[in-house]
Amino acid sequence: IWEKSLVRTKIINIHADNILKNIEHDLGGGGASELISFICLNIKPKCVVETGVAAGFSTFAVLDALAINNYGHLYSSDFPYFRISNAEKYIGVIVPQDLKKRWSLFIYGDKKNLNIINSKINEINFFHYDSDKSFKGRSRALSQIEKKFNKNTWILIDDIQDNSHFMEYSNKAIYNWKVFNYKNKWIGLLYPKNK
């Protein structure tokens, strides 16, 4: 599955490069697409929730895996870049149209979006957090959404080097945890005790 994830990520990156080279704005880089792809191909989630879409690298990785699995749906929370005119059109710009049938995107910011998403789902199998990097932002988002977690939920949090949130959250969580170095930043993974 890991080898397949690496191949799929190369395809995603080539596709993204072809689109992003024609966009004058810096939309930010991709998250750990290989790991995201691996998790989704491995656990075959019914419900994935992510915060932070930007150009759509992680979104593409999730949707690509869901298409391969022929199963599952992705709910994404984002907020348009305030410094770019007509910013909504750039959210998930690299995601191919044929993958979007498994995708619900909300663009009002995490506080509002997560309430909307909560009303549409029963549980979360995989949660990827990559939006507000502040301790307060992470705490608020997780407190909003964690009622939809269960003992089998996988949680991936980007840029954990920014503050102590991941360490404190993992200490009180019912999950095992791992930390990965990815492109000079750190990513925290919480995963079921039985895995």
Protein backbone atom coordinates (compact mmCIF):
# COMPACT_ATOMS: atom_id res chain seq x y z
CA ILE A 1 0.00 0.00 0.00
CA TRP A 2 2.89 2.36 0.79
CA GLU A 3 4.41 1.82 -2.66
CA LYS A 4 1.05 2.49 -4.27
CA SER A 5 0.76 5.69 -2.20
CA LEU A 6 4.14 6.90 -3.47
CA VAL A 7 3.09 6.28 -7.08
CA ARG A 8 -0.25 8.05 -6.58
CA THR A 9 1.49 11.03 -4.96
CA LYS A 10 3.86 11.39 -7.92
CA ILE A 11 0.83 11.53 -10.21
CA ILE A 12 -0.78 14.16 -7.97
CA ASN A 13 2.38 16.29 -7.94
CA ILE A 14 2.81 16.16 -11.73
CA HIS A 15 -0.83 17.13 -12.21
CA ALA A 16 -0.51 19.94 -9.65
CA ASP A 17 2.67 21.32 -11.24
CA ASN A 18 0.93 21.56 -14.60
CA ILE A 19 -1.90 23.62 -13.09
CA LEU A 20 0.01 25.74 -10.59
CA LYS A 21 2.65 26.89 -13.08
CA ASN A 22 -0.09 28.93 -14.78
CA ILE A 23 -1.31 30.60 -11.57
CA GLU A 24 0.43 33.78 -10.49
CA HIS A 25 -0.41 33.39 -6.79
CA ASP A 26 1.42 31.27 -4.23
CA LEU A 27 -1.27 28.95 -2.90
CA GLY A 28 0.98 27.11 -0.47
CA GLY A 29 2.53 23.69 -0.68
CA GLY A 30 1.05 20.29 -0.17
CA GLY A 31 0.84 18.36 3.06
CA ALA A 32 2.07 14.83 3.57
CA SER A 33 0.16 13.48 0.58
CA GLU A 34 1.96 10.13 0.68
CA LEU A 35 0.90 9.50 4.26
CA ILE A 36 -2.65 10.74 3.63
CA SER A 37 -2.97 8.46 0.62
CA PHE A 38 -1.56 5.53 2.60
CA ILE A 39 -3.98 6.01 5.49
CA CYS A 40 -7.00 6.27 3.18
CA LEU A 41 -6.00 3.27 1.07
CA ASN A 42 -5.29 1.28 4.20
CA ILE A 43 -8.31 2.02 6.42
CA LYS A 44 -10.84 2.61 3.60
CA PRO A 45 -12.70 5.37 5.46
CA LYS A 46 -16.38 6.05 4.98
CA CYS A 47 -16.08 9.61 6.27
CA VAL A 48 -13.01 11.87 6.03
CA VAL A 49 -12.94 15.43 7.35
CA GLU A 50 -10.15 17.89 6.64
CA THR A 51 -9.50 21.49 7.58
CA GLY A 52 -7.37 23.54 5.23
CA VAL A 53 -7.61 22.89 1.51
CA ALA A 54 -5.57 25.63 -0.21
CA ALA A 55 -4.60 24.39 -3.69
CA GLY A 56 -5.84 20.92 -2.77
CA PHE A 57 -2.89 18.53 -2.42
CA SER A 58 -4.29 16.71 0.62
CA THR A 59 -7.80 16.91 -0.83
CA PHE A 60 -6.60 15.32 -4.07
CA ALA A 61 -4.77 12.58 -2.12
CA VAL A 62 -7.90 11.73 -0.12
CA LEU A 63 -10.27 11.82 -3.10
CA ASP A 64 -7.89 9.78 -5.26
CA ALA A 65 -7.76 7.07 -2.56
CA LEU A 66 -11.54 7.14 -2.09
CA ALA A 67 -11.97 6.68 -5.85
CA ILE A 68 -9.60 3.69 -5.80
CA ASN A 69 -11.50 2.28 -2.81
CA ASN A 70 -14.80 3.09 -4.55
CA TYR A 71 -16.02 4.09 -1.12
CA GLY A 72 -16.22 7.09 1.20
CA HIS A 73 -16.79 10.84 1.21
CA LEU A 74 -14.63 13.86 2.07
CA TYR A 75 -15.89 16.96 3.91
CA SER A 76 -13.50 19.91 3.68
CA SER A 77 -13.34 23.17 5.61
CA ASP A 78 -11.52 26.18 4.23
CA PHE A 79 -11.65 29.96 4.06
CA PRO A 80 -10.70 31.91 0.90
CA TYR A 81 -7.41 33.80 0.86
CA PHE A 82 -8.31 37.36 1.79
CA ARG A 83 -5.34 38.78 -0.12
CA ILE A 84 -6.40 37.37 -3.52
CA SER A 85 -9.34 38.66 -5.53
CA ASN A 86 -11.89 36.00 -6.52
CA ALA A 87 -10.10 33.67 -4.12
CA GLU A 88 -12.83 31.02 -3.99
CA LYS A 89 -11.86 29.74 -7.42
CA TYR A 90 -8.41 28.74 -6.13
CA ILE A 91 -9.63 26.50 -3.30
CA GLY A 92 -8.84 22.96 -4.41
CA VAL A 93 -7.82 24.18 -7.85
CA ILE A 94 -5.69 21.09 -8.54
CA VAL A 95 -8.49 18.60 -7.79
CA PRO A 96 -9.72 16.93 -11.00
CA GLN A 97 -13.41 17.36 -11.75
CA ASP A 98 -14.05 13.61 -11.91
CA LEU A 99 -13.04 13.20 -8.25
CA LYS A 100 -15.35 15.90 -6.90
CA LYS A 101 -18.46 13.71 -6.67
CA ARG A 102 -17.15 12.40 -3.33
CA TRP A 103 -16.41 15.90 -2.00
CA SER A 104 -18.33 18.47 0.02
CA LEU A 105 -16.48 21.79 0.42
CA PHE A 106 -17.43 24.51 2.89
CA ILE A 107 -15.69 27.91 2.77
CA TYR A 108 -16.94 29.92 5.77
CA GLY A 109 -14.03 29.17 8.13
CA ASP A 110 -13.59 26.27 10.55
CA LYS A 111 -15.85 27.57 13.32
CA LYS A 112 -18.92 27.67 11.07
CA ASN A 113 -17.88 24.88 8.68
CA LEU A 114 -17.30 22.29 11.39
CA ASN A 115 -20.77 22.90 12.81
CA ILE A 116 -22.24 22.34 9.34
CA ILE A 117 -20.16 19.20 8.82
CA ASN A 118 -21.13 17.86 12.26
CA SER A 119 -24.78 18.11 11.25
CA LYS A 120 -24.19 15.98 8.15
CA ILE A 121 -22.14 13.08 9.53
CA ASN A 122 -22.41 10.37 12.18
CA GLU A 123 -18.73 9.62 12.74
CA ILE A 124 -15.28 10.42 11.38
CA ASN A 125 -12.90 7.68 10.31
CA PHE A 126 -10.03 9.99 9.35
CA PHE A 127 -9.52 13.63 10.37
CA HIS A 128 -6.78 15.77 8.82
CA TYR A 129 -6.12 19.13 10.48
CA ASP A 130 -4.17 21.72 8.47
CA SER A 131 -5.79 25.11 9.09
CA ASP A 132 -5.33 27.59 11.98
CA LYS A 133 -1.91 26.72 13.43
CA SER A 134 -2.47 28.49 16.77
CA PHE A 135 -3.00 26.52 19.96
CA LYS A 136 -6.39 28.17 20.39
CA GLY A 137 -7.46 27.43 16.79
CA ARG A 138 -6.50 23.78 17.08
CA SER A 139 -8.18 23.40 20.46
CA ARG A 140 -11.40 24.99 19.23
CA ALA A 141 -11.56 22.87 16.06
CA LEU A 142 -10.86 19.60 17.83
CA SER A 143 -13.35 20.35 20.60
CA GLN A 144 -15.97 21.02 17.91
CA ILE A 145 -15.34 17.88 15.91
CA GLU A 146 -14.09 15.26 18.39
CA LYS A 147 -17.65 14.26 19.35
CA LYS A 148 -17.62 12.47 15.97
CA PHE A 149 -14.41 10.54 16.78
CA ASN A 150 -14.42 6.98 18.07
CA LYS A 151 -11.75 4.51 19.15
CA ASN A 152 -11.01 3.66 15.48
CA THR A 153 -10.58 7.24 14.22
CA TRP A 154 -7.24 8.28 12.70
CA ILE A 155 -6.16 11.90 13.27
CA LEU A 156 -3.34 13.67 11.40
CA ILE A 157 -2.23 17.15 12.46
CA ASP A 158 0.21 19.23 10.40
CA ASP A 159 2.90 21.61 11.67
CA ILE A 160 2.86 20.39 15.26
CA GLN A 161 6.19 22.14 15.87
CA ASP A 162 4.33 25.46 16.13
CA ASN A 163 3.15 24.89 19.72
CA SER A 164 2.50 22.20 22.34
CA HIS A 165 -1.07 21.40 21.27
CA PHE A 166 -0.35 17.97 19.77
CA MET A 167 1.67 16.87 22.80
CA GLU A 168 -1.05 17.95 25.21
CA TYR A 169 -3.84 16.48 23.09
CA SER A 170 -2.05 13.15 22.61
CA ASN A 171 -1.50 12.86 26.38
CA LYS A 172 -5.24 12.87 27.04
CA ALA A 173 -6.31 10.97 23.93
CA ILE A 174 -7.30 7.31 23.73
CA TYR A 175 -4.95 6.72 20.78
CA ASN A 176 -1.41 5.68 20.03
CA TRP A 177 0.69 8.43 18.47
CA LYS A 178 3.62 8.92 16.13
CA VAL A 179 5.50 12.00 14.96
CA PHE A 180 6.96 12.32 11.45
CA ASN A 181 9.48 14.74 10.03
CA TYR A 182 8.20 15.87 6.65
CA LYS A 183 9.98 18.49 4.54
CA ASN A 184 11.53 20.22 7.57
CA LYS A 185 8.33 20.32 9.60
CA TRP A 186 6.64 17.89 11.97
CA ILE A 187 3.38 16.00 11.59
CA GLY A 188 1.56 14.21 14.39
CA LEU A 189 -0.53 11.08 13.90
CA LEU A 190 -3.01 9.67 16.40
CA TYR A 191 -4.27 6.20 15.55
CA PRO A 192 -6.26 3.37 17.18
CA LYS A 193 -4.69 1.44 20.06
CA ASN A 194 -5.34 -1.88 18.29
CA LYS A 195 -3.24 -0.97 15.21
